[in-house]
Protein backbone atom coordinates (compact mmCIF):
# COMPACT_ATOMS: atom_id res chain seq x y z
CA UNK A 1 14.94 -8.14 -20.78
CA UNK A 2 12.94 -11.02 -22.22
CA UNK A 3 10.00 -12.71 -20.52
CA UNK A 4 12.07 -15.84 -19.97
CA UNK A 5 14.82 -13.86 -18.19
CA UNK A 6 12.25 -12.15 -15.94
CA UNK A 7 10.64 -15.47 -14.96
CA UNK A 8 14.02 -16.95 -13.97
CA UNK A 9 15.21 -13.84 -12.13
CA UNK A 10 15.96 -13.99 -8.40
CA UNK A 11 12.71 -13.44 -6.43
CA UNK A 12 14.13 -10.61 -4.31
CA UNK A 13 15.40 -8.78 -7.39
CA UNK A 14 12.03 -9.29 -9.08
CA UNK A 15 10.26 -7.80 -6.06
CA UNK A 16 12.60 -4.81 -5.98
CA UNK A 17 11.96 -4.09 -9.67
CA UNK A 18 8.20 -4.36 -9.10
CA UNK A 19 8.29 -2.02 -6.08
CA UNK A 20 10.35 0.56 -7.97
CA UNK A 21 7.98 0.37 -10.94
CA UNK A 22 4.83 0.76 -8.86
CA UNK A 23 5.93 3.28 -6.24
CA UNK A 24 8.93 5.09 -7.72
CA UNK A 25 12.62 4.47 -8.24
CA UNK A 26 14.54 3.97 -5.00
CA UNK A 27 11.60 2.89 -2.80
CA UNK A 28 12.84 -0.72 -2.85
CA UNK A 29 15.89 0.37 -0.82
CA UNK A 30 13.55 0.47 2.20
CA UNK A 31 12.72 -3.24 1.76
CA UNK A 32 14.29 -5.12 4.72
CA UNK A 33 17.18 -7.47 3.93
CA UNK A 34 15.79 -10.43 5.89
CA UNK A 35 12.40 -10.88 4.22
CA UNK A 36 10.61 -14.22 4.11
CA UNK A 37 9.13 -15.14 0.74
CA UNK A 38 6.42 -17.81 0.64
CA UNK A 39 6.22 -19.56 -2.73
CA UNK A 40 3.28 -21.58 -4.03
CA UNK A 41 4.14 -25.26 -4.42
CA UNK A 42 1.63 -25.65 -7.24
CA UNK A 43 2.52 -22.66 -9.45
CA UNK A 44 5.98 -21.66 -8.21
CA UNK A 45 4.87 -18.02 -7.90
CA UNK A 46 5.32 -15.76 -4.88
CA UNK A 47 2.36 -16.05 -2.48
CA UNK A 48 3.29 -13.40 0.07
CA UNK A 49 6.26 -11.58 1.58
CA UNK A 50 6.73 -11.01 5.32
CA UNK A 51 9.32 -9.61 7.71
CA UNK A 52 9.67 -10.71 11.36
CA UNK A 53 6.28 -12.41 11.17
CA UNK A 54 4.52 -9.29 9.84
CA UNK A 55 2.99 -9.50 6.37
CA UNK A 56 4.50 -6.88 4.03
CA UNK A 57 2.55 -7.46 0.82
CA UNK A 58 0.89 -9.99 -1.43
CA UNK A 59 1.49 -9.98 -5.20
CA UNK A 60 -1.65 -9.58 -7.30
CA UNK A 61 -2.46 -11.42 -10.49
CA UNK A 62 -2.41 -8.12 -12.43
CA UNK A 63 1.23 -7.47 -11.43
CA UNK A 64 0.45 -5.07 -8.58
CA UNK A 65 1.16 -5.46 -4.89
CA UNK A 66 -1.41 -5.41 -2.09
CA UNK A 67 0.65 -3.67 0.60
CA UNK A 68 -0.11 -3.66 4.32
CA UNK A 69 0.10 -0.83 6.87
CA UNK A 70 3.40 -2.28 8.10
CA UNK A 71 4.86 -2.16 4.59
CA UNK A 72 3.61 1.40 4.05
CA UNK A 73 5.28 2.47 7.32
CA UNK A 74 8.61 1.00 6.13
CA UNK A 75 8.36 2.63 2.70
CA UNK A 76 7.32 5.97 4.24
CA UNK A 77 10.90 6.39 5.49
CA UNK A 78 11.67 7.31 1.86
CA UNK A 79 10.36 10.82 1.09
CA UNK A 80 9.57 9.88 -2.51
CA UNK A 81 6.96 7.40 -1.27
CA UNK A 82 4.73 10.29 -0.12
CA UNK A 83 3.85 10.78 -3.81
CA UNK A 84 1.80 7.56 -3.46
CA UNK A 85 0.03 8.64 -0.23
CA UNK A 86 -3.06 10.59 0.72
CA UNK A 87 -3.45 12.73 3.85
CA UNK A 88 -6.80 13.09 5.62
CA UNK A 89 -8.28 15.54 8.12
CA UNK A 90 -8.99 14.93 11.83
CA UNK A 91 -12.72 14.57 11.23
CA UNK A 92 -12.38 11.40 9.14
CA UNK A 93 -9.50 9.78 11.06
CA UNK A 94 -11.67 7.68 13.45
CA UNK A 95 -13.72 6.34 10.53
CA UNK A 96 -10.65 5.34 8.53
CA UNK A 97 -9.21 3.59 11.59
CA UNK A 98 -12.41 1.53 11.71
CA UNK A 99 -11.94 0.50 8.08
CA UNK A 100 -14.44 2.88 6.46
CA UNK A 101 -13.85 4.62 3.11
CA UNK A 102 -12.20 8.03 2.63
CA UNK A 103 -14.37 10.69 1.00
CA UNK A 104 -13.06 13.45 -1.26
CA UNK A 105 -14.04 16.34 1.02
CA UNK A 106 -11.81 14.96 3.83
CA UNK A 107 -8.61 14.86 1.77
CA UNK A 108 -5.96 17.42 2.77
CA UNK A 109 -3.22 16.41 0.33
CA UNK A 110 -2.78 13.75 -2.29
CA UNK A 111 0.38 12.48 -4.01
CA UNK A 112 0.70 12.75 -7.77
CA UNK A 113 1.15 8.95 -8.17
CA UNK A 114 -2.34 8.16 -6.83
CA UNK A 115 -4.12 6.48 -9.73
CA UNK A 116 -7.39 4.60 -10.09
CA UNK A 117 -6.95 1.06 -8.75
CA UNK A 118 -3.57 1.69 -7.10
CA UNK A 119 -2.82 0.88 -3.47
CA UNK A 120 -2.78 4.09 -1.43
CA UNK A 121 -1.53 4.52 2.15
CA UNK A 122 -3.78 6.92 4.07
CA UNK A 123 -1.90 9.23 6.44
CA UNK A 124 -2.88 11.40 9.37
CA UNK A 125 -0.09 13.65 10.70
CA UNK A 126 2.52 11.52 8.87
CA UNK A 127 1.30 8.26 10.47
CA UNK A 128 -0.28 5.46 8.42
CA UNK A 129 -3.86 4.90 9.60
CA UNK A 130 -4.95 2.67 6.72
CA UNK A 131 -4.22 1.33 3.24
CA UNK A 132 -6.80 1.11 0.51
CA UNK A 133 -7.51 1.05 -3.19
CA UNK A 134 -7.99 4.33 -5.05
CA UNK A 135 -11.41 4.79 -6.62
CA UNK A 136 -10.36 8.12 -8.18
CA UNK A 137 -7.07 9.60 -9.42
CA UNK A 138 -5.28 12.45 -7.62
CA UNK A 139 -6.66 15.11 -9.96
CA UNK A 140 -10.21 13.76 -9.70
CA UNK A 141 -10.05 13.70 -5.89
CA UNK A 142 -9.30 17.43 -5.75
CA UNK A 143 -11.83 18.33 -8.46
CA UNK A 144 -14.71 16.61 -6.66
CA UNK A 145 -16.17 17.57 -3.30
CA UNK A 146 -18.24 14.43 -2.76
CA UNK A 147 -17.94 10.72 -3.28
CA UNK A 148 -15.52 7.97 -2.25
CA UNK A 149 -11.83 8.57 -2.97
CA UNK A 150 -10.25 5.49 -1.32
CA UNK A 151 -11.81 2.18 -0.25
CA UNK A 152 -9.91 1.06 2.85
CA UNK A 153 -8.64 -2.54 2.89
CA UNK A 154 -6.22 -2.55 5.85
CA UNK A 155 -6.66 -0.32 8.91
CA UNK A 156 -6.00 -0.18 12.65
CA UNK A 157 -9.24 -2.13 13.18
CA UNK A 158 -7.90 -5.12 11.25
CA UNK A 159 -4.96 -5.30 13.67
CA UNK A 160 -7.10 -5.20 16.82
CA UNK A 161 -9.76 -7.71 15.68
CA UNK A 162 -9.98 -10.52 18.20
CA UNK A 163 -8.81 -8.40 21.11
CA UNK A 164 -11.35 -7.33 23.69
CA UNK A 165 -11.37 -3.73 24.88
CA UNK A 166 -12.34 -2.76 28.39
C-alpha cells in the first residue's frame, strides 16, 4: 500500500488498521460501529474519536493513539488486549486511582506487548483503574524492584474532577 493510498483511505478503516498494529490483530473488532470522528478543518487529520459522548482516543503525531479508560474497557473485552495491560496489587490501587505513577514493585503481571512509550491500561482485578505511558518495557519492569514503571495519564480522579464529595 503506497503512502498516497493510505492518506486517501476511509478514516474508520485507517483507525482499525492503526489499532490492530498497535494493540494486536483483531482488537479493532471491539471498536463500536457508531463512532464520531472529529476532523481538523485546517489539516484534514483526525483530531479525536468518541462514542456516545465519551472520548475513546486521540491520534498522536508519532502515529500512536492516546487511549482513554473508556476505550481500554471496550478493548478489554478481547482477551488478546490483555497482552498490552499491566496488573497492580491492592496496595497501589488507591494511588493509581488518584493519578499517581505505578512503581515496579507493585506490578503483579505485565503483558508482553508493554513497550517503552506505549499506552498501557492499568488493571486491578480485571477492572481498568488508569491508563498511562510505559517508562519501562515488560522485561525491565520484572527485572527491577524499584522505580517508575508507568506514568498515569488518565485515571478515576480525572473523571471525578469538578464533583464535590461529601
